[in-house]
C-alpha cells in the first residue's frame, strides 16, 4: 500500500511510542506528536483599559492557554489546510495564513 506522507503524519522520528493528549474540541485521544498544539495568551481586559493601565506602569499578568487539536478539528477550524500531492512533497517550513 502506498504511503501518503513520508512521516506518516507524525513528528516522532525514531522515538517509539508517544503519550496521548485529548483534543480540546471533540475529545479524541491523539498521539502528542500528531496533534496540533495551539498556544494563546488571552487578555481578560478591555484593550483600551489595558493600554491606560500599562501607561501608568501597572503590571498585567496573562494566562497561557494551550489547546491540542486532532487533525480533523484542525482542518475544520482552519489551523491547517489540505494540501495537494505536490505541496505535500515540498520540504521546509510553510507560512500559515
C-alpha atoms as a PDB file:
ATOM      1  CA  UNK A   1       0.000   0.000   0.000  1.00  0.00           C
ATOM      2  CA  UNK A   2       1.476   3.388  -0.955  1.00  0.00           C
ATOM      3  CA  UNK A   3       2.393   5.931   1.692  1.00  0.00           C
ATOM      4  CA  UNK A   4       0.749   9.335   1.503  1.00  0.00           C
ATOM      5  CA  UNK A   5       3.353  11.077   3.669  1.00  0.00           C
ATOM      6  CA  UNK A   6       6.950  10.123   4.379  1.00  0.00           C
ATOM      7  CA  UNK A   7       6.488  10.947   8.074  1.00  0.00           C
ATOM      8  CA  UNK A   8       3.148   9.106   8.224  1.00  0.00           C
ATOM      9  CA  UNK A   9       1.643  12.317   9.653  1.00  0.00           C
ATOM     10  CA  UNK A  10       3.743  12.298  12.821  1.00  0.00           C
ATOM     11  CA  UNK A  11       6.862  14.035  14.073  1.00  0.00           C
ATOM     12  CA  UNK A  12       8.279  11.398  16.391  1.00  0.00           C
ATOM     13  CA  UNK A  13      11.075  10.060  14.202  1.00  0.00           C
ATOM     14  CA  UNK A  14      12.621   7.004  15.929  1.00  0.00           C
ATOM     15  CA  UNK A  15      11.356   7.779  19.446  1.00  0.00           C
ATOM     16  CA  UNK A  16       8.989   4.835  19.779  1.00  0.00           C
ATOM     17  CA  UNK A  17       5.604   5.302  21.407  1.00  0.00           C
ATOM     18  CA  UNK A  18       4.451   8.741  22.430  1.00  0.00           C
ATOM     19  CA  UNK A  19       1.871   9.629  25.048  1.00  0.00           C
ATOM     20  CA  UNK A  20      -1.654  10.671  24.177  1.00  0.00           C
ATOM     21  CA  UNK A  21      -3.414  14.010  24.570  1.00  0.00           C
ATOM     22  CA  UNK A  22      -7.091  14.785  24.326  1.00  0.00           C
ATOM     23  CA  UNK A  23      -8.444  17.013  21.570  1.00  0.00           C
ATOM     24  CA  UNK A  24      -9.813  20.220  23.082  1.00  0.00           C
ATOM     25  CA  UNK A  25     -12.883  20.208  20.838  1.00  0.00           C
ATOM     26  CA  UNK A  26     -14.006  16.660  20.080  1.00  0.00           C
ATOM     27  CA  UNK A  27     -12.294  14.802  22.936  1.00  0.00           C
ATOM     28  CA  UNK A  28     -10.491  12.271  20.712  1.00  0.00           C
ATOM     29  CA  UNK A  29      -7.275  10.722  22.050  1.00  0.00           C
ATOM     30  CA  UNK A  30      -4.444  11.659  19.697  1.00  0.00           C
ATOM     31  CA  UNK A  31      -0.684  10.960  19.947  1.00  0.00           C
ATOM     32  CA  UNK A  32       1.061  14.106  21.186  1.00  0.00           C
ATOM     33  CA  UNK A  33       3.370  14.262  18.174  1.00  0.00           C
ATOM     34  CA  UNK A  34       0.461  14.053  15.726  1.00  0.00           C
ATOM     35  CA  UNK A  35      -1.793  16.620  17.433  1.00  0.00           C
ATOM     36  CA  UNK A  36      -1.619  20.295  16.521  1.00  0.00           C
ATOM     37  CA  UNK A  37      -0.743  22.467  19.506  1.00  0.00           C
ATOM     38  CA  UNK A  38      -2.123  25.992  19.762  1.00  0.00           C
ATOM     39  CA  UNK A  39      -0.755  28.324  22.427  1.00  0.00           C
ATOM     40  CA  UNK A  40      -2.542  31.608  23.113  1.00  0.00           C
ATOM     41  CA  UNK A  41      -2.127  34.367  25.679  1.00  0.00           C
ATOM     42  CA  UNK A  42      -5.695  35.633  26.131  1.00  0.00           C
ATOM     43  CA  UNK A  43      -6.260  39.012  27.756  1.00  0.00           C
ATOM     44  CA  UNK A  44      -9.226  39.397  30.062  1.00  0.00           C
ATOM     45  CA  UNK A  45      -9.127  43.201  29.992  1.00  0.00           C
ATOM     46  CA  UNK A  46     -10.591  45.660  27.540  1.00  0.00           C
ATOM     47  CA  UNK A  47      -7.776  46.778  25.173  1.00  0.00           C
ATOM     48  CA  UNK A  48      -8.282  50.473  25.933  1.00  0.00           C
ATOM     49  CA  UNK A  49      -8.245  49.895  29.701  1.00  0.00           C
ATOM     50  CA  UNK A  50      -5.192  47.689  29.316  1.00  0.00           C
ATOM     51  CA  UNK A  51      -3.361  50.429  27.385  1.00  0.00           C
ATOM     52  CA  UNK A  52      -4.164  53.044  30.055  1.00  0.00           C
ATOM     53  CA  UNK A  53      -3.033  50.785  32.887  1.00  0.00           C
ATOM     54  CA  UNK A  54       0.164  49.932  31.017  1.00  0.00           C
ATOM     55  CA  UNK A  55       0.984  53.651  30.594  1.00  0.00           C
ATOM     56  CA  UNK A  56       0.640  54.152  34.354  1.00  0.00           C
ATOM     57  CA  UNK A  57       3.131  51.336  34.967  1.00  0.00           C
ATOM     58  CA  UNK A  58       0.784  48.600  36.127  1.00  0.00           C
ATOM     59  CA  UNK A  59       1.991  45.032  35.692  1.00  0.00           C
ATOM     60  CA  UNK A  60      -0.705  42.995  33.952  1.00  0.00           C
ATOM     61  CA  UNK A  61      -0.383  39.238  34.173  1.00  0.00           C
ATOM     62  CA  UNK A  62      -1.549  36.988  31.378  1.00  0.00           C
ATOM     63  CA  UNK A  63      -2.534  33.336  31.469  1.00  0.00           C
ATOM     64  CA  UNK A  64      -1.119  30.938  28.905  1.00  0.00           C
ATOM     65  CA  UNK A  65      -3.706  28.657  27.281  1.00  0.00           C
ATOM     66  CA  UNK A  66      -2.620  25.503  25.454  1.00  0.00           C
ATOM     67  CA  UNK A  67      -5.017  23.559  23.240  1.00  0.00           C
ATOM     68  CA  UNK A  68      -4.355  20.328  21.390  1.00  0.00           C
ATOM     69  CA  UNK A  69      -6.363  19.613  18.230  1.00  0.00           C
ATOM     70  CA  UNK A  70      -6.783  16.381  16.314  1.00  0.00           C
ATOM     71  CA  UNK A  71      -6.171  16.709  12.588  1.00  0.00           C
ATOM     72  CA  UNK A  72      -9.853  16.701  11.643  1.00  0.00           C
ATOM     73  CA  UNK A  73     -10.662  19.533  14.086  1.00  0.00           C
ATOM     74  CA  UNK A  74      -7.561  21.469  12.956  1.00  0.00           C
ATOM     75  CA  UNK A  75      -8.670  21.244   9.308  1.00  0.00           C
ATOM     76  CA  UNK A  76     -12.250  22.163  10.210  1.00  0.00           C
ATOM     77  CA  UNK A  77     -11.164  25.259  12.144  1.00  0.00           C
ATOM     78  CA  UNK A  78      -8.601  26.379   9.547  1.00  0.00           C
ATOM     79  CA  UNK A  79      -5.465  25.771  11.612  1.00  0.00           C
ATOM     80  CA  UNK A  80      -4.038  23.552   8.858  1.00  0.00           C
ATOM     81  CA  UNK A  81      -5.141  23.208   5.278  1.00  0.00           C
ATOM     82  CA  UNK A  82      -5.488  20.242   2.968  1.00  0.00           C
ATOM     83  CA  UNK A  83      -2.513  20.326   0.604  1.00  0.00           C
ATOM     84  CA  UNK A  84      -2.141  18.868  -2.872  1.00  0.00           C
ATOM     85  CA  UNK A  85       0.218  15.997  -3.628  1.00  0.00           C
ATOM     86  CA  UNK A  86       2.910  18.378  -4.953  1.00  0.00           C
ATOM     87  CA  UNK A  87       2.659  20.668  -1.916  1.00  0.00           C
ATOM     88  CA  UNK A  88       2.989  17.721   0.464  1.00  0.00           C
ATOM     89  CA  UNK A  89       6.312  16.774  -1.132  1.00  0.00           C
ATOM     90  CA  UNK A  90       7.849  20.217  -0.519  1.00  0.00           C
ATOM     91  CA  UNK A  91      10.277  20.357   2.378  1.00  0.00           C
ATOM     92  CA  UNK A  92      10.783  23.255   4.742  1.00  0.00           C
ATOM     93  CA  UNK A  93       8.609  25.476   6.878  1.00  0.00           C
ATOM     94  CA  UNK A  94       5.464  26.898   5.304  1.00  0.00           C
ATOM     95  CA  UNK A  95       3.796  30.130   6.332  1.00  0.00           C
ATOM     96  CA  UNK A  96       0.369  29.898   7.896  1.00  0.00           C
ATOM     97  CA  UNK A  97      -2.130  32.351   6.518  1.00  0.00           C
END
